[in-house]
Amino acid sequence: MKMDWTNPNADNYICANCAHVLWFMQTIDNKTGQEFEIAGYKLSCQICHNTHFWTRETLMSGKGATFMGMDWAELTAVNYICTQCAHILWFA
């Protein structure tokens, strides 16, 4: 299922029992990352336990805001992308 409107090449896996969504980007060769701390804890990938990530911001816009040209008023999420397996962690 393709759900990431900012990257149509992202892979998504949805759990059939609880509907938890796992997001993966395409891997980017030679993309260096860094370590991050969230709420006092060292961030690590839930899939491969890697501790290096690169980041991006994703606009969390709705259809109505986009239609009205009000995307600027919507919230953004910070994405941490694992440099090893490309799993995406989302933080609002």
PDB file of N, CA and C in Angstrom:
ATOM      1  N   MET A   1       0.836  -1.168   0.000  1.00  0.00           N
ATOM      2  CA  MET A   1       0.000   0.000   0.000  1.00  0.00           C
ATOM      3  C   MET A   1       0.892   1.246   0.000  1.00  0.00           C
ATOM      4  N   LYS A   2       0.618   2.202  -0.849  1.00  0.00           N
ATOM      5  CA  LYS A   2       1.383   3.436  -0.924  1.00  0.00           C
ATOM      6  C   LYS A   2       0.630   4.521  -0.176  1.00  0.00           C
ATOM      7  N   MET A   3       1.183   4.996   0.954  1.00  0.00           N
ATOM      8  CA  MET A   3       0.493   5.978   1.774  1.00  0.00           C
ATOM      9  C   MET A   3       1.265   7.277   1.925  1.00  0.00           C
ATOM     10  N   ASP A   4       2.551   7.286   1.645  1.00  0.00           N
ATOM     11  CA  ASP A   4       3.376   8.470   1.871  1.00  0.00           C
ATOM     12  C   ASP A   4       3.303   9.380   0.664  1.00  0.00           C
ATOM     13  N   TRP A   5       2.471  10.428   0.735  1.00  0.00           N
ATOM     14  CA  TRP A   5       2.269  11.319  -0.398  1.00  0.00           C
ATOM     15  C   TRP A   5       3.510  12.122  -0.732  1.00  0.00           C
ATOM     16  N   THR A   6       4.480  12.240   0.207  1.00  0.00           N
ATOM     17  CA  THR A   6       5.701  12.980  -0.078  1.00  0.00           C
ATOM     18  C   THR A   6       6.743  12.110  -0.748  1.00  0.00           C
ATOM     19  N   ASN A   7       6.543  10.795  -0.727  1.00  0.00           N
ATOM     20  CA  ASN A   7       7.470   9.879  -1.389  1.00  0.00           C
ATOM     21  C   ASN A   7       6.679   8.668  -1.868  1.00  0.00           C
ATOM     22  N   PRO A   8       6.256   8.668  -3.133  1.00  0.00           N
ATOM     23  CA  PRO A   8       5.445   7.557  -3.636  1.00  0.00           C
ATOM     24  C   PRO A   8       6.194   6.231  -3.690  1.00  0.00           C
ATOM     25  N   ASN A   9       7.509   6.232  -3.443  1.00  0.00           N
ATOM     26  CA  ASN A   9       8.278   4.996  -3.467  1.00  0.00           C
ATOM     27  C   ASN A   9       8.438   4.359  -2.095  1.00  0.00           C
ATOM     28  N   ALA A  10       7.837   4.942  -1.058  1.00  0.00           N
ATOM     29  CA  ALA A  10       7.934   4.375   0.286  1.00  0.00           C
ATOM     30  C   ALA A  10       7.115   3.090   0.358  1.00  0.00           C
ATOM     31  N   ASP A  11       7.650   2.102   1.061  1.00  0.00           N
ATOM     32  CA  ASP A  11       6.941   0.840   1.256  1.00  0.00           C
ATOM     33  C   ASP A  11       6.261   0.870   2.618  1.00  0.00           C
ATOM     34  N   ASN A  12       5.039   0.362   2.671  1.00  0.00           N
ATOM     35  CA  ASN A  12       4.261   0.335   3.900  1.00  0.00           C
ATOM     36  C   ASN A  12       3.744  -1.071   4.151  1.00  0.00           C
ATOM     37  N   TYR A  13       3.818  -1.496   5.410  1.00  0.00           N
ATOM     38  CA  TYR A  13       3.303  -2.796   5.808  1.00  0.00           C
ATOM     39  C   TYR A  13       2.336  -2.572   6.956  1.00  0.00           C
ATOM     40  N   ILE A  14       1.121  -3.113   6.850  1.00  0.00           N
ATOM     41  CA  ILE A  14       0.092  -2.920   7.867  1.00  0.00           C
ATOM     42  C   ILE A  14      -0.233  -4.250   8.532  1.00  0.00           C
ATOM     43  N   CYS A  15      -0.178  -4.271   9.857  1.00  0.00           N
ATOM     44  CA  CYS A  15      -0.485  -5.471  10.624  1.00  0.00           C
ATOM     45  C   CYS A  15      -1.964  -5.822  10.458  1.00  0.00           C
ATOM     46  N   ALA A  16      -2.255  -7.069  10.139  1.00  0.00           N
ATOM     47  CA  ALA A  16      -3.629  -7.528   9.938  1.00  0.00           C
ATOM     48  C   ALA A  16      -4.409  -7.599  11.255  1.00  0.00           C
ATOM     49  N   ASN A  17      -3.715  -7.677  12.398  1.00  0.00           N
ATOM     50  CA  ASN A  17      -4.387  -7.771  13.691  1.00  0.00           C
ATOM     51  C   ASN A  17      -4.669  -6.419  14.328  1.00  0.00           C
ATOM     52  N   CYS A  18      -3.671  -5.523  14.319  1.00  0.00           N
ATOM     53  CA  CYS A  18      -3.832  -4.261  15.057  1.00  0.00           C
ATOM     54  C   CYS A  18      -3.761  -3.018  14.175  1.00  0.00           C
ATOM     55  N   ALA A  19      -3.471  -3.168  12.894  1.00  0.00           N
ATOM     56  CA  ALA A  19      -3.393  -2.076  11.917  1.00  0.00           C
ATOM     57  C   ALA A  19      -2.197  -1.146  12.139  1.00  0.00           C
ATOM     58  N   HIS A  20      -1.194  -1.585  12.901  1.00  0.00           N
ATOM     59  CA  HIS A  20       0.044  -0.807  13.043  1.00  0.00           C
ATOM     60  C   HIS A  20       0.718  -0.725  11.675  1.00  0.00           C
ATOM     61  N   VAL A  21       1.204   0.463  11.323  1.00  0.00           N
ATOM     62  CA  VAL A  21       1.824   0.671  10.014  1.00  0.00           C
ATOM     63  C   VAL A  21       3.330   0.802  10.180  1.00  0.00           C
ATOM     64  N   LEU A  22       4.090   0.034   9.399  1.00  0.00           N
ATOM     65  CA  LEU A  22       5.542   0.171   9.319  1.00  0.00           C
ATOM     66  C   LEU A  22       5.860   0.863   8.000  1.00  0.00           C
ATOM     67  N   TRP A  23       6.655   1.928   8.062  1.00  0.00           N
ATOM     68  CA  TRP A  23       7.021   2.706   6.877  1.00  0.00           C
ATOM     69  C   TRP A  23       8.504   2.502   6.579  1.00  0.00           C
ATOM     70  N   PHE A  24       8.838   2.312   5.319  1.00  0.00           N
ATOM     71  CA  PHE A  24      10.228   2.178   4.892  1.00  0.00           C
ATOM     72  C   PHE A  24      10.468   3.046   3.666  1.00  0.00           C
ATOM     73  N   MET A  25      11.553   3.808   3.686  1.00  0.00           N
ATOM     74  CA  MET A  25      11.973   4.583   2.522  1.00  0.00           C
ATOM     75  C   MET A  25      12.858   3.687   1.661  1.00  0.00           C
ATOM     76  N   GLN A  26      13.129   4.144   0.444  1.00  0.00           N
ATOM     77  CA  GLN A  26      14.159   3.479  -0.332  1.00  0.00           C
ATOM     78  C   GLN A  26      15.490   3.828   0.321  1.00  0.00           C
ATOM     79  N   THR A  27      16.424   2.903   0.336  1.00  0.00           N
ATOM     80  CA  THR A  27      17.726   3.204   0.913  1.00  0.00           C
ATOM     81  C   THR A  27      18.459   4.184   0.010  1.00  0.00           C
ATOM     82  N   ILE A  28      19.223   5.055   0.633  1.00  0.00           N
ATOM     83  CA  ILE A  28      19.992   6.056  -0.097  1.00  0.00           C
ATOM     84  C   ILE A  28      21.467   5.772   0.142  1.00  0.00           C
ATOM     85  N   ASP A  29      22.177   5.413  -0.913  1.00  0.00           N
ATOM     86  CA  ASP A  29      23.600   5.105  -0.785  1.00  0.00           C
ATOM     87  C   ASP A  29      24.374   6.328  -0.313  1.00  0.00           C
ATOM     88  N   ASN A  30      25.330   6.081   0.551  1.00  0.00           N
ATOM     89  CA  ASN A  30      26.228   7.118   1.064  1.00  0.00           C
ATOM     90  C   ASN A  30      25.518   8.207   1.863  1.00  0.00           C
ATOM     91  N   LYS A  31      24.323   7.941   2.345  1.00  0.00           N
ATOM     92  CA  LYS A  31      23.613   8.910   3.181  1.00  0.00           C
ATOM     93  C   LYS A  31      24.084   8.693   4.612  1.00  0.00           C
ATOM     94  N   THR A  32      24.845   9.644   5.125  1.00  0.00           N
ATOM     95  CA  THR A  32      25.344   9.515   6.486  1.00  0.00           C
ATOM     96  C   THR A  32      24.293  10.002   7.462  1.00  0.00           C
ATOM     97  N   GLY A  33      24.306   9.432   8.616  1.00  0.00           N
ATOM     98  CA  GLY A  33      23.337   9.811   9.629  1.00  0.00           C
ATOM     99  C   GLY A  33      24.025  10.196  10.908  1.00  0.00           C
ATOM    100  N   GLN A  34      23.221  10.471  11.896  1.00  0.00           N
ATOM    101  CA  GLN A  34      23.757  10.794  13.199  1.00  0.00           C
ATOM    102  C   GLN A  34      22.869  10.191  14.269  1.00  0.00           C
ATOM    103  N   GLU A  35      23.362  10.213  15.503  1.00  0.00           N
ATOM    104  CA  GLU A  35      22.594   9.699  16.621  1.00  0.00           C
ATOM    105  C   GLU A  35      21.710  10.814  17.177  1.00  0.00           C
ATOM    106  N   PHE A  36      20.528  10.427  17.680  1.00  0.00           N
ATOM    107  CA  PHE A  36      19.578  11.385  18.243  1.00  0.00           C
ATOM    108  C   PHE A  36      19.093  10.882  19.588  1.00  0.00           C
ATOM    109  N   GLU A  37      18.645  11.829  20.417  1.00  0.00           N
ATOM    110  CA  GLU A  37      18.066  11.501  21.712  1.00  0.00           C
ATOM    111  C   GLU A  37      16.657  12.091  21.748  1.00  0.00           C
ATOM    112  N   ILE A  38      15.688  11.275  22.148  1.00  0.00           N
ATOM    113  CA  ILE A  38      14.302  11.702  22.262  1.00  0.00           C
ATOM    114  C   ILE A  38      13.863  11.499  23.709  1.00  0.00           C
ATOM    115  N   ALA A  39      13.435  12.562  24.365  1.00  0.00           N
ATOM    116  CA  ALA A  39      12.964  12.515  25.759  1.00  0.00           C
ATOM    117  C   ALA A  39      13.973  11.833  26.680  1.00  0.00           C
ATOM    118  N   GLY A  40      15.263  12.076  26.428  1.00  0.00           N
ATOM    119  CA  GLY A  40      16.310  11.527  27.279  1.00  0.00           C
ATOM    120  C   GLY A  40      16.747  10.113  26.940  1.00  0.00           C
ATOM    121  N   TYR A  41      16.180   9.529  25.871  1.00  0.00           N
ATOM    122  CA  TYR A  41      16.541   8.166  25.454  1.00  0.00           C
ATOM    123  C   TYR A  41      17.206   8.194  24.089  1.00  0.00           C
ATOM    124  N   LYS A  42      18.264   7.398  23.945  1.00  0.00           N
ATOM    125  CA  LYS A  42      18.944   7.289  22.663  1.00  0.00           C
ATOM    126  C   LYS A  42      18.010   6.601  21.665  1.00  0.00           C
ATOM    127  N   LEU A  43      17.793   7.233  20.534  1.00  0.00           N
ATOM    128  CA  LEU A  43      16.905   6.686  19.515  1.00  0.00           C
ATOM    129  C   LEU A  43      17.565   5.486  18.838  1.00  0.00           C
ATOM    130  N   SER A  44      16.803   4.399  18.702  1.00  0.00           N
ATOM    131  CA  SER A  44      17.294   3.228  17.974  1.00  0.00           C
ATOM    132  C   SER A  44      16.168   2.665  17.123  1.00  0.00           C
ATOM    133  N   CYS A  45      16.529   2.064  16.027  1.00  0.00           N
ATOM    134  CA  CYS A  45      15.559   1.507  15.096  1.00  0.00           C
ATOM    135  C   CYS A  45      14.848   0.308  15.726  1.00  0.00           C
ATOM    136  N   GLN A  46      13.540   0.263  15.600  1.00  0.00           N
ATOM    137  CA  GLN A  46      12.747  -0.836  16.141  1.00  0.00           C
ATOM    138  C   GLN A  46      12.953  -2.123  15.362  1.00  0.00           C
ATOM    139  N   ILE A  47      13.427  -2.017  14.136  1.00  0.00           N
ATOM    140  CA  ILE A  47      13.589  -3.188  13.279  1.00  0.00           C
ATOM    141  C   ILE A  47      14.992  -3.791  13.394  1.00  0.00           C
ATOM    142  N   CYS A  48      16.034  -2.966  13.161  1.00  0.00           N
ATOM    143  CA  CYS A  48      17.408  -3.507  13.105  1.00  0.00           C
ATOM    144  C   CYS A  48      18.292  -3.045  14.260  1.00  0.00           C
ATOM    145  N   HIS A  49      17.788  -2.186  15.134  1.00  0.00           N
ATOM    146  CA  HIS A  49      18.482  -1.670  16.314  1.00  0.00           C
ATOM    147  C   HIS A  49      19.651  -0.746  15.988  1.00  0.00           C
ATOM    148  N   ASN A  50      19.732  -0.267  14.767  1.00  0.00           N
ATOM    149  CA  ASN A  50      20.733   0.724  14.384  1.00  0.00           C
ATOM    150  C   ASN A  50      20.471   2.015  15.153  1.00  0.00           C
ATOM    151  N   THR A  51      21.497   2.832  15.360  1.00  0.00           N
ATOM    152  CA  THR A  51      21.332   4.076  16.113  1.00  0.00           C
ATOM    153  C   THR A  51      21.640   5.330  15.286  1.00  0.00           C
ATOM    154  N   HIS A  52      21.799   5.179  13.977  1.00  0.00           N
ATOM    155  CA  HIS A  52      22.078   6.334  13.127  1.00  0.00           C
ATOM    156  C   HIS A  52      20.911   6.577  12.174  1.00  0.00           C
ATOM    157  N   PHE A  53      20.506   7.847  12.103  1.00  0.00           N
ATOM    158  CA  PHE A  53      19.348   8.240  11.314  1.00  0.00           C
ATOM    159  C   PHE A  53      19.644   9.515  10.549  1.00  0.00           C
ATOM    160  N   TRP A  54      18.907   9.724   9.484  1.00  0.00           N
ATOM    161  CA  TRP A  54      18.851  11.048   8.868  1.00  0.00           C
ATOM    162  C   TRP A  54      17.422  11.527   9.019  1.00  0.00           C
ATOM    163  N   THR A  55      17.195  12.817   8.906  1.00  0.00           N
ATOM    164  CA  THR A  55      15.885  13.377   9.211  1.00  0.00           C
ATOM    165  C   THR A  55      15.290  14.132   8.032  1.00  0.00           C
ATOM    166  N   ARG A  56      13.968  14.294   8.121  1.00  0.00           N
ATOM    167  CA  ARG A  56      13.219  15.139   7.201  1.00  0.00           C
ATOM    168  C   ARG A  56      11.964  15.566   7.935  1.00  0.00           C
ATOM    169  N   GLU A  57      11.288  16.576   7.417  1.00  0.00           N
ATOM    170  CA  GLU A  57       9.998  16.989   7.960  1.00  0.00           C
ATOM    171  C   GLU A  57       8.923  16.660   6.941  1.00  0.00           C
ATOM    172  N   THR A  58       7.764  16.231   7.423  1.00  0.00           N
ATOM    173  CA  THR A  58       6.631  15.922   6.564  1.00  0.00           C
ATOM    174  C   THR A  58       5.450  16.783   6.998  1.00  0.00           C
ATOM    175  N   LEU A  59       4.843  17.457   6.054  1.00  0.00           N
ATOM    176  CA  LEU A  59       3.671  18.265   6.326  1.00  0.00           C
ATOM    177  C   LEU A  59       2.474  17.346   6.511  1.00  0.00           C
ATOM    178  N   MET A  60       1.765  17.512   7.613  1.00  0.00           N
ATOM    179  CA  MET A  60       0.608  16.679   7.928  1.00  0.00           C
ATOM    180  C   MET A  60      -0.665  17.405   7.485  1.00  0.00           C
ATOM    181  N   SER A  61      -0.812  17.602   6.191  1.00  0.00           N
ATOM    182  CA  SER A  61      -1.938  18.385   5.695  1.00  0.00           C
ATOM    183  C   SER A  61      -3.153  17.504   5.427  1.00  0.00           C
ATOM    184  N   GLY A  62      -4.305  18.117   5.555  1.00  0.00           N
ATOM    185  CA  GLY A  62      -5.555  17.445   5.242  1.00  0.00           C
ATOM    186  C   GLY A  62      -6.068  17.920   3.894  1.00  0.00           C
ATOM    187  N   LYS A  63      -7.041  17.220   3.361  1.00  0.00           N
ATOM    188  CA  LYS A  63      -7.597  17.576   2.053  1.00  0.00           C
ATOM    189  C   LYS A  63      -8.198  18.974   2.051  1.00  0.00           C
ATOM    190  N   GLY A  64      -8.898  19.325   3.115  1.00  0.00           N
ATOM    191  CA  GLY A  64      -9.541  20.634   3.181  1.00  0.00           C
ATOM    192  C   GLY A  64      -8.537  21.766   3.174  1.00  0.00           C
ATOM    193  N   ALA A  65      -7.480  21.620   3.975  1.00  0.00           N
ATOM    194  CA  ALA A  65      -6.458  22.667   4.041  1.00  0.00           C
ATOM    195  C   ALA A  65      -5.744  22.815   2.705  1.00  0.00           C
ATOM    196  N   THR A  66      -5.469  21.691   2.062  1.00  0.00           N
ATOM    197  CA  THR A  66      -4.821  21.737   0.756  1.00  0.00           C
ATOM    198  C   THR A  66      -5.714  22.417  -0.262  1.00  0.00           C
ATOM    199  N   PHE A  67      -6.989  22.077  -0.269  1.00  0.00           N
ATOM    200  CA  PHE A  67      -7.941  22.674  -1.200  1.00  0.00           C
ATOM    201  C   PHE A  67      -8.027  24.186  -1.018  1.00  0.00           C
ATOM    202  N   MET A  68      -7.976  24.628   0.237  1.00  0.00           N
ATOM    203  CA  MET A  68      -8.100  26.056   0.534  1.00  0.00           C
ATOM    204  C   MET A  68      -6.756  26.786   0.469  1.00  0.00           C
ATOM    205  N   GLY A  69      -5.681  26.068   0.129  1.00  0.00           N
ATOM    206  CA  GLY A  69      -4.362  26.693   0.075  1.00  0.00           C
ATOM    207  C   GLY A  69      -3.818  27.058   1.444  1.00  0.00           C
ATOM    208  N   MET A  70      -4.218  26.319   2.482  1.00  0.00           N
ATOM    209  CA  MET A  70      -3.835  26.623   3.852  1.00  0.00           C
ATOM    210  C   MET A  70      -2.839  25.610   4.410  1.00  0.00           C
ATOM    211  N   ASP A  71      -2.068  24.952   3.560  1.00  0.00           N
ATOM    212  CA  ASP A  71      -1.094  23.960   4.025  1.00  0.00           C
ATOM    213  C   ASP A  71      -0.133  24.541   5.056  1.00  0.00           C
ATOM    214  N   TRP A  72       0.175  25.820   4.931  1.00  0.00           N
ATOM    215  CA  TRP A  72       1.117  26.466   5.837  1.00  0.00           C
ATOM    216  C   TRP A  72       0.637  26.409   7.289  1.00  0.00           C
ATOM    217  N   ALA A  73      -0.648  26.266   7.516  1.00  0.00           N
ATOM    218  CA  ALA A  73      -1.195  26.262   8.870  1.00  0.00           C
ATOM    219  C   ALA A  73      -1.219  24.869   9.498  1.00  0.00           C
ATOM    220  N   GLU A  74      -0.893  23.850   8.742  1.00  0.00           N
ATOM    221  CA  GLU A  74      -0.948  22.475   9.241  1.00  0.00           C
ATOM    222  C   GLU A  74       0.301  22.127  10.061  1.00  0.00           C
ATOM    223  N   LEU A  75       0.182  21.102  10.874  1.00  0.00           N
ATOM    224  CA  LEU A  75       1.297  20.614  11.680  1.00  0.00           C
ATOM    225  C   LEU A  75       2.298  19.867  10.815  1.00  0.00           C
ATOM    226  N   THR A  76       3.517  19.773  11.306  1.00  0.00           N
ATOM    227  CA  THR A  76       4.535  18.970  10.634  1.00  0.00           C
ATOM    228  C   THR A  76       4.959  17.843  11.566  1.00  0.00           C
ATOM    229  N   ALA A  77       5.478  16.786  10.976  1.00  0.00           N
ATOM    230  CA  ALA A  77       6.042  15.672  11.741  1.00  0.00           C
ATOM    231  C   ALA A  77       7.518  15.572  11.378  1.00  0.00           C
ATOM    232  N   VAL A  78       8.325  15.217  12.357  1.00  0.00           N
ATOM    233  CA  VAL A  78       9.740  14.970  12.105  1.00  0.00           C
ATOM    234  C   VAL A  78       9.898  13.480  11.865  1.00  0.00           C
ATOM    235  N   ASN A  79      10.550  13.128  10.775  1.00  0.00           N
ATOM    236  CA  ASN A  79      10.810  11.727  10.447  1.00  0.00           C
ATOM    237  C   ASN A  79      12.280  11.425  10.673  1.00  0.00           C
ATOM    238  N   TYR A  80      12.556  10.318  11.340  1.00  0.00           N
ATOM    239  CA  TYR A  80      13.916   9.815  11.507  1.00  0.00           C
ATOM    240  C   TYR A  80      13.999   8.544  10.676  1.00  0.00           C
ATOM    241  N   ILE A  81      14.880   8.527   9.688  1.00  0.00           N
ATOM    242  CA  ILE A  81      14.998   7.395   8.767  1.00  0.00           C
ATOM    243  C   ILE A  81      16.286   6.647   9.085  1.00  0.00           C
ATOM    244  N   CYS A  82      16.147   5.368   9.391  1.00  0.00           N
ATOM    245  CA  CYS A  82      17.290   4.521   9.747  1.00  0.00           C
ATOM    246  C   CYS A  82      18.254   4.423   8.567  1.00  0.00           C
ATOM    247  N   THR A  83      19.538   4.642   8.819  1.00  0.00           N
ATOM    248  CA  THR A  83      20.524   4.578   7.740  1.00  0.00           C
ATOM    249  C   THR A  83      20.829   3.150   7.307  1.00  0.00           C
ATOM    250  N   GLN A  84      20.414   2.172   8.109  1.00  0.00           N
ATOM    251  CA  GLN A  84      20.694   0.773   7.773  1.00  0.00           C
ATOM    252  C   GLN A  84      19.537   0.104   7.022  1.00  0.00           C
ATOM    253  N   CYS A  85      18.311   0.173   7.553  1.00  0.00           N
ATOM    254  CA  CYS A  85      17.190  -0.528   6.928  1.00  0.00           C
ATOM    255  C   CYS A  85      16.134   0.407   6.331  1.00  0.00           C
ATOM    256  N   ALA A  86      16.284   1.719   6.548  1.00  0.00           N
ATOM    257  CA  ALA A  86      15.406   2.765   6.005  1.00  0.00           C
ATOM    258  C   ALA A  86      14.008   2.773   6.617  1.00  0.00           C
ATOM    259  N   HIS A  87      13.840   2.177   7.793  1.00  0.00           N
ATOM    260  CA  HIS A  87      12.573   2.269   8.526  1.00  0.00           C
ATOM    261  C   HIS A  87      12.370   3.710   8.974  1.00  0.00           C
ATOM    262  N   ILE A  88      11.133   4.219   8.868  1.00  0.00           N
ATOM    263  CA  ILE A  88      10.829   5.610   9.216  1.00  0.00           C
ATOM    264  C   ILE A  88      10.125   5.660  10.569  1.00  0.00           C
ATOM    265  N   LEU A  89      10.668   6.470  11.465  1.00  0.00           N
ATOM    266  CA  LEU A  89      10.035   6.756  12.757  1.00  0.00           C
ATOM    267  C   LEU A  89       9.438   8.152  12.662  1.00  0.00           C
ATOM    268  N   TRP A  90       8.164   8.299  13.039  1.00  0.00           N
ATOM    269  CA  TRP A  90       7.441   9.565  12.948  1.00  0.00           C
ATOM    270  C   TRP A  90       7.249  10.163  14.333  1.00  0.00           C
ATOM    271  N   PHE A  91       7.519  11.466  14.475  1.00  0.00           N
ATOM    272  CA  PHE A  91       7.269  12.190  15.716  1.00  0.00           C
ATOM    273  C   PHE A  91       6.541  13.487  15.378  1.00  0.00           C
ATOM    274  N   ALA A  92       5.417  13.716  16.029  1.00  0.00           N
ATOM    275  CA  ALA A  92       4.644  14.954  15.810  1.00  0.00           C
ATOM    276  C   ALA A  92       5.239  16.071  16.647  1.00  0.00           C
TER     277      ALA A  92
END
